[in-house]
Amino acid sequence: MSTVGFMLLFLGALASGFVAGLIGIEVVWLALLVLPTTIFGAWLGGRAYRVLSDGNFRDVVLGLLFLSGIGLVWSSLGLR
């Protein structure tokens, strides 16, 4: 599925969650606020995938996941 397809799926899920009362208007506005950054990140990831070899791309993704995990553990421990 393309980036556009995922964005349409995201917007559909956002709208249906709002209509069903599962999420509030604040969450909708925040999600729409970060939508351009999400689109840019998806574009950048697709570009990196085309430029890098499969092994290098895997290493980049694993490194980013590792850093994200470290950040989550760090914040859950209350370390600053």
Protein backbone atom coordinates (compact mmCIF):
# COMPACT_ATOMS: atom_id res chain seq x y z
CA MET A 1 0.00 0.00 0.00
CA SER A 2 1.29 3.43 -0.85
CA THR A 3 1.89 6.35 1.48
CA VAL A 4 -1.29 7.96 0.20
CA GLY A 5 -3.22 4.79 1.00
CA PHE A 6 -1.92 4.73 4.56
CA MET A 7 -2.77 8.41 5.03
CA LEU A 8 -6.32 7.81 3.78
CA LEU A 9 -6.62 4.83 6.12
CA PHE A 10 -5.34 6.99 8.99
CA LEU A 11 -7.81 9.79 8.24
CA GLY A 12 -10.68 7.30 7.95
CA ALA A 13 -9.81 5.71 11.29
CA LEU A 14 -9.50 9.15 12.86
CA ALA A 15 -12.89 10.25 11.54
CA SER A 16 -14.66 7.03 12.51
CA GLY A 17 -13.15 7.12 16.01
CA PHE A 18 -14.35 10.68 16.43
CA VAL A 19 -17.86 9.94 15.15
CA ALA A 20 -18.09 6.88 17.43
CA GLY A 21 -17.05 9.01 20.39
CA LEU A 22 -13.89 7.03 21.06
CA ILE A 23 -11.61 10.05 20.68
CA GLY A 24 -12.10 13.70 21.45
CA ILE A 25 -11.66 16.79 19.31
CA GLU A 26 -8.30 17.52 20.98
CA VAL A 27 -6.87 14.25 19.68
CA VAL A 28 -8.23 14.97 16.20
CA TRP A 29 -6.55 18.38 16.13
CA LEU A 30 -3.26 16.97 17.43
CA ALA A 31 -3.34 14.18 14.84
CA LEU A 32 -3.99 16.67 12.05
CA LEU A 33 -1.22 18.89 13.41
CA VAL A 34 1.39 16.13 13.06
CA LEU A 35 0.05 14.83 9.73
CA PRO A 36 2.56 16.82 7.60
CA THR A 37 5.44 15.45 9.66
CA THR A 38 4.04 11.93 9.29
CA ILE A 39 3.82 12.34 5.52
CA PHE A 40 7.39 13.67 5.40
CA GLY A 41 8.63 10.74 7.51
CA ALA A 42 6.90 8.23 5.25
CA TRP A 43 8.39 9.91 2.18
CA LEU A 44 11.86 9.95 3.76
CA GLY A 45 11.58 6.28 4.73
CA GLY A 46 10.54 5.31 1.22
CA ARG A 47 13.40 7.30 -0.25
CA ALA A 48 15.89 5.71 2.16
CA TYR A 49 14.57 2.26 1.27
CA ARG A 50 15.17 2.91 -2.44
CA VAL A 51 18.68 4.32 -1.86
CA LEU A 52 20.01 1.86 0.74
CA SER A 53 20.51 -1.85 0.36
CA ASP A 54 18.13 -4.13 2.25
CA GLY A 55 20.75 -4.88 4.90
CA ASN A 56 21.64 -1.24 5.46
CA PHE A 57 17.98 -0.22 5.63
CA ARG A 58 17.33 -2.98 8.18
CA ASP A 59 20.26 -1.74 10.27
CA VAL A 60 18.95 1.84 10.19
CA VAL A 61 15.45 0.72 11.23
CA LEU A 62 16.82 -1.47 14.03
CA GLY A 63 19.01 1.40 15.25
CA LEU A 64 16.02 3.76 15.33
CA LEU A 65 13.94 1.17 17.18
CA PHE A 66 16.75 0.71 19.68
CA LEU A 67 17.00 4.45 20.30
CA SER A 68 13.23 4.68 20.64
CA GLY A 69 13.24 1.83 23.16
CA ILE A 70 16.02 3.45 25.18
CA GLY A 71 14.03 6.70 25.23
CA LEU A 72 10.91 4.89 26.45
CA VAL A 73 12.79 3.09 29.22
CA TRP A 74 14.53 6.31 30.20
CA SER A 75 11.25 8.22 30.47
CA SER A 76 9.48 5.41 32.33
CA LEU A 77 12.22 5.42 34.96
CA GLY A 78 11.81 9.14 35.41
CA LEU A 79 15.44 9.87 34.58
CA ARG A 80 16.23 13.35 33.29
